[in-house]
N, C-alpha and C. Protein backbone atom coordinates (compact mmCIF):
# COMPACT_ATOMS: atom_id res chain seq x y z
N MET A 1 257.42 149.36 0.64
CA MET A 1 257.16 150.80 0.75
C MET A 1 255.74 151.21 0.94
N LEU A 2 254.74 150.62 0.36
CA LEU A 2 253.30 151.06 0.71
C LEU A 2 252.89 150.55 2.05
N GLU A 3 253.40 149.36 2.69
CA GLU A 3 253.17 149.08 3.83
C GLU A 3 253.61 150.08 4.86
N ARG A 4 254.89 150.62 4.61
CA ARG A 4 255.41 151.59 5.58
C ARG A 4 254.28 152.95 5.54
N ILE A 5 254.05 153.22 4.51
CA ILE A 5 253.33 154.44 4.16
C ILE A 5 251.89 154.33 4.88
N GLY A 6 251.33 153.07 4.88
CA GLY A 6 250.18 152.81 5.64
C GLY A 6 250.31 153.02 7.06
N ALA A 7 251.58 152.42 7.45
CA ALA A 7 251.72 152.28 8.84
C ALA A 7 251.89 153.68 9.32
N SER A 8 252.49 154.67 8.57
CA SER A 8 252.54 155.90 9.25
C SER A 8 251.49 156.61 9.40
N GLY A 9 250.32 156.08 8.74
CA GLY A 9 249.09 156.87 8.98
C GLY A 9 248.48 157.52 7.72
N ALA A 10 249.37 157.58 6.82
CA ALA A 10 248.96 158.04 5.40
C ALA A 10 247.91 157.19 4.67
N ARG A 11 247.13 157.68 3.90
CA ARG A 11 246.19 156.88 3.06
C ARG A 11 246.87 156.67 1.71
N ARG A 12 246.63 155.51 1.20
CA ARG A 12 247.18 155.11 -0.03
C ARG A 12 246.16 155.18 -1.08
N LEU A 13 246.15 156.06 -2.17
CA LEU A 13 245.17 156.15 -3.17
C LEU A 13 245.57 155.70 -4.48
N ALA A 14 244.87 154.73 -5.08
CA ALA A 14 245.27 154.37 -6.50
C ALA A 14 244.46 155.26 -7.31
N THR A 15 244.89 155.30 -8.54
CA THR A 15 244.26 156.01 -9.66
C THR A 15 243.69 155.09 -10.56
N SER A 16 242.52 155.17 -11.21
CA SER A 16 242.07 154.32 -12.12
C SER A 16 241.38 155.02 -13.03
N ALA A 17 241.17 154.54 -14.41
CA ALA A 17 240.73 155.25 -15.52
C ALA A 17 239.02 155.24 -15.32
N HIS A 18 238.41 154.21 -14.62
CA HIS A 18 237.03 154.27 -14.44
C HIS A 18 236.39 153.89 -13.18
N ARG A 19 237.30 153.37 -12.13
CA ARG A 19 236.79 153.03 -10.97
C ARG A 19 237.10 153.98 -9.82
N GLY A 20 236.31 153.80 -8.67
CA GLY A 20 236.60 154.67 -7.66
C GLY A 20 235.78 156.00 -7.45
N ASP A 21 236.13 156.82 -6.49
CA ASP A 21 235.51 158.14 -6.39
C ASP A 21 235.97 159.16 -7.42
N PRO A 22 235.05 159.86 -7.72
CA PRO A 22 235.63 161.12 -8.68
C PRO A 22 236.58 161.92 -7.81
N TYR A 23 237.65 162.17 -8.45
CA TYR A 23 238.74 162.91 -7.57
C TYR A 23 238.29 164.08 -6.85
N ASP A 24 237.32 164.80 -7.55
CA ASP A 24 236.85 166.13 -6.76
C ASP A 24 235.80 165.84 -5.68
N GLU A 25 235.55 164.56 -5.47
CA GLU A 25 234.86 164.15 -4.34
C GLU A 25 235.50 163.26 -3.26
N ALA A 26 236.79 163.10 -3.65
CA ALA A 26 237.58 162.30 -2.60
C ALA A 26 238.30 163.33 -1.81
N ASP A 27 238.49 162.92 -0.53
CA ASP A 27 239.30 163.73 0.42
C ASP A 27 240.79 163.84 0.25
N LEU A 28 241.46 164.68 -0.38
CA LEU A 28 242.80 164.62 -0.67
C LEU A 28 243.58 165.51 0.24
N ALA A 29 242.95 166.30 1.10
CA ALA A 29 243.57 167.29 2.08
C ALA A 29 244.53 166.70 3.05
N GLY A 30 244.37 165.36 3.55
CA GLY A 30 245.19 164.76 4.47
C GLY A 30 246.41 164.29 3.94
N ARG A 31 247.05 163.40 4.67
CA ARG A 31 248.33 162.80 4.16
C ARG A 31 247.87 161.73 3.33
N ILE A 32 248.38 161.71 2.04
CA ILE A 32 248.03 160.64 1.04
C ILE A 32 249.39 160.28 0.18
N ALA A 33 249.27 159.17 -0.20
CA ALA A 33 250.40 158.78 -1.34
C ALA A 33 249.49 158.23 -2.50
N LEU A 34 249.73 159.02 -3.56
CA LEU A 34 249.05 158.79 -4.77
C LEU A 34 249.84 157.49 -5.50
N VAL A 35 249.06 156.55 -6.02
CA VAL A 35 249.85 155.41 -6.70
C VAL A 35 249.20 155.44 -7.97
N LEU A 36 250.07 155.75 -8.95
CA LEU A 36 249.51 155.76 -10.43
C LEU A 36 250.07 154.73 -11.27
N GLY A 37 249.27 154.10 -12.08
CA GLY A 37 249.87 152.99 -12.99
C GLY A 37 250.12 153.24 -14.20
N SER A 38 250.50 152.59 -15.15
CA SER A 38 250.70 152.86 -16.54
C SER A 38 249.49 153.12 -17.31
N GLU A 39 249.77 153.94 -18.35
CA GLU A 39 248.50 154.21 -19.06
C GLU A 39 247.97 153.12 -19.77
N ALA A 40 248.81 152.10 -20.30
CA ALA A 40 248.30 150.97 -20.97
C ALA A 40 247.66 149.69 -19.99
N HIS A 41 248.31 149.68 -18.89
CA HIS A 41 248.03 148.47 -18.02
C HIS A 41 247.38 148.77 -16.63
N GLY A 42 247.32 150.02 -16.15
CA GLY A 42 246.99 150.46 -14.85
C GLY A 42 247.86 149.95 -13.72
N LEU A 43 247.50 149.50 -12.64
CA LEU A 43 248.14 149.14 -11.61
C LEU A 43 248.22 147.63 -11.52
N PRO A 44 249.28 146.96 -11.11
CA PRO A 44 249.40 145.38 -10.87
C PRO A 44 248.34 144.96 -9.94
N ALA A 45 247.69 143.85 -10.25
CA ALA A 45 246.71 143.44 -9.26
C ALA A 45 246.98 143.25 -7.95
N ASP A 46 248.36 142.76 -7.68
CA ASP A 46 248.78 142.49 -6.54
C ASP A 46 248.98 143.88 -5.45
N LEU A 47 248.82 144.94 -5.99
CA LEU A 47 249.05 146.20 -5.03
C LEU A 47 247.47 146.47 -4.57
N GLU A 48 246.45 145.92 -5.06
CA GLU A 48 245.35 146.10 -4.56
C GLU A 48 244.93 145.92 -3.14
N LEU A 49 245.62 144.93 -2.64
CA LEU A 49 245.68 144.79 -1.21
C LEU A 49 246.20 145.83 -0.32
N LEU A 50 247.17 146.56 -0.95
CA LEU A 50 247.93 147.43 -0.22
C LEU A 50 247.35 148.92 -0.41
N LEU A 51 246.41 149.16 -1.03
CA LEU A 51 245.65 150.34 -1.26
C LEU A 51 244.45 150.50 -0.43
N ASP A 52 244.35 151.74 0.00
CA ASP A 52 242.99 152.11 0.87
C ASP A 52 241.76 152.51 0.03
N SER A 53 241.93 153.11 -1.11
CA SER A 53 240.82 153.62 -2.07
C SER A 53 241.22 153.89 -3.33
N THR A 54 240.34 154.06 -4.20
CA THR A 54 240.68 154.41 -5.63
C THR A 54 239.86 155.47 -6.03
N VAL A 55 240.55 156.60 -6.80
CA VAL A 55 239.89 157.75 -7.43
C VAL A 55 240.15 157.82 -8.82
N HIS A 56 239.17 158.53 -9.50
CA HIS A 56 239.34 158.55 -11.10
C HIS A 56 239.01 160.05 -11.39
N VAL A 57 239.68 160.31 -12.68
CA VAL A 57 239.12 161.65 -13.21
C VAL A 57 238.10 161.37 -14.40
N PRO A 58 236.91 161.73 -14.09
CA PRO A 58 235.66 161.61 -15.05
C PRO A 58 236.07 162.21 -16.35
N MET A 59 235.96 161.55 -17.50
CA MET A 59 236.15 161.90 -18.67
C MET A 59 234.74 162.29 -19.46
N ALA A 60 234.89 163.20 -20.28
CA ALA A 60 233.76 163.57 -21.15
C ALA A 60 233.95 162.96 -22.57
N GLY A 61 232.65 162.61 -23.11
CA GLY A 61 232.75 162.22 -24.56
C GLY A 61 233.42 160.88 -24.74
N ARG A 62 234.08 160.70 -25.77
CA ARG A 62 234.74 159.48 -26.08
C ARG A 62 236.22 159.26 -25.67
N THR A 63 236.67 160.17 -24.91
CA THR A 63 238.00 160.12 -24.34
C THR A 63 238.09 158.97 -23.29
N GLU A 64 238.97 158.14 -23.32
CA GLU A 64 238.93 157.05 -22.52
C GLU A 64 239.70 157.35 -21.36
N SER A 65 240.81 157.98 -21.28
CA SER A 65 241.64 158.52 -20.08
C SER A 65 242.70 159.48 -20.38
N LEU A 66 243.12 160.01 -19.42
CA LEU A 66 244.31 160.96 -19.33
C LEU A 66 245.53 160.24 -19.37
N ASN A 67 246.64 160.73 -20.01
CA ASN A 67 247.88 160.22 -19.74
C ASN A 67 248.33 160.25 -18.31
N VAL A 68 249.03 159.39 -17.67
CA VAL A 68 249.51 159.30 -16.24
C VAL A 68 250.04 160.81 -15.86
N ALA A 69 250.85 161.56 -16.67
CA ALA A 69 251.41 162.81 -16.00
C ALA A 69 250.40 163.64 -15.85
N VAL A 70 249.25 163.86 -16.82
CA VAL A 70 248.18 164.64 -16.69
C VAL A 70 247.31 164.33 -15.65
N ALA A 71 246.93 163.03 -15.54
CA ALA A 71 246.09 162.67 -14.40
C ALA A 71 246.76 162.89 -13.02
N GLY A 72 248.00 162.76 -12.83
CA GLY A 72 248.78 162.95 -11.66
C GLY A 72 248.66 164.48 -11.44
N SER A 73 248.77 165.32 -12.39
CA SER A 73 248.72 166.73 -12.18
C SER A 73 247.39 167.24 -11.80
N VAL A 74 246.53 166.71 -12.35
CA VAL A 74 245.14 167.11 -11.90
C VAL A 74 244.74 166.63 -10.42
N LEU A 75 245.35 165.52 -9.99
CA LEU A 75 244.98 165.08 -8.79
C LEU A 75 245.81 165.97 -7.88
N LEU A 76 247.10 166.23 -8.08
CA LEU A 76 247.82 167.16 -7.27
C LEU A 76 247.30 168.56 -6.99
N PHE A 77 246.68 169.01 -8.25
CA PHE A 77 246.24 170.44 -8.17
C PHE A 77 244.91 170.26 -7.20
N GLU A 78 244.18 169.44 -7.25
CA GLU A 78 243.02 169.24 -6.43
C GLU A 78 243.41 169.11 -4.93
N ALA A 79 244.57 168.27 -4.68
CA ALA A 79 245.14 168.07 -3.45
C ALA A 79 245.50 169.51 -2.75
N ALA A 80 246.05 170.13 -3.49
CA ALA A 80 246.40 171.55 -3.22
C ALA A 80 245.31 172.56 -2.98
N ARG A 81 244.27 172.45 -3.78
CA ARG A 81 243.17 173.37 -3.66
C ARG A 81 242.32 172.92 -2.40
N GLN A 82 242.31 171.66 -2.11
CA GLN A 82 241.57 171.26 -0.85
C GLN A 82 242.36 171.73 0.27
N ARG A 83 243.60 171.69 0.34
CA ARG A 83 244.40 172.02 1.59
C ARG A 83 244.34 173.52 1.72
N ARG A 84 244.44 174.29 0.61
CA ARG A 84 244.28 175.71 0.84
C ARG A 84 242.86 176.07 1.58
N ARG A 85 241.88 175.22 1.09
CA ARG A 85 240.40 175.55 1.46
C ARG A 85 240.48 175.19 3.05
N SER A 86 241.30 174.15 3.40
CA SER A 86 240.97 173.75 4.87
C SER A 86 241.70 174.54 5.83
N VAL A 87 242.50 175.53 5.24
CA VAL A 87 243.30 176.52 6.19
C VAL A 87 242.41 177.70 6.38
N ALA A 88 242.22 178.03 7.57
CA ALA A 88 241.48 179.20 7.96
C ALA A 88 241.88 180.49 7.33
N PRO A 89 240.90 181.35 6.95
CA PRO A 89 241.39 182.55 6.53
C PRO A 89 242.44 183.42 7.51
N GLY A 90 243.45 183.94 7.01
CA GLY A 90 244.27 184.73 7.84
C GLY A 90 245.26 183.94 8.68
N SER A 91 245.21 182.58 8.64
CA SER A 91 246.26 181.80 9.30
C SER A 91 247.48 181.48 8.68
N VAL A 92 248.63 181.26 9.21
CA VAL A 92 249.70 180.91 8.65
C VAL A 92 250.14 179.43 8.65
N ARG A 93 250.36 178.83 7.55
CA ARG A 93 250.69 177.41 7.34
C ARG A 93 252.03 177.26 6.96
């Protein structure tokens, strides 16, 4: 499935607790597929070859990571924000 997504021109972005670009600095406005791993184990190592880049949600204090549902929600909210920003004022999308 990830091969077909990449072949279609969409970028495949993995999420990580500590690696990759901060989510608010990553380009999430284009065609993307977010690949989220389990909270305990992350993503399987064999998926690394199928992914284009990695993003993370920086954490403050002693918090290690967000649960996968919250992390996914944060990333989708940021993707929607970036897409709204990329639409010119007054245009219909």
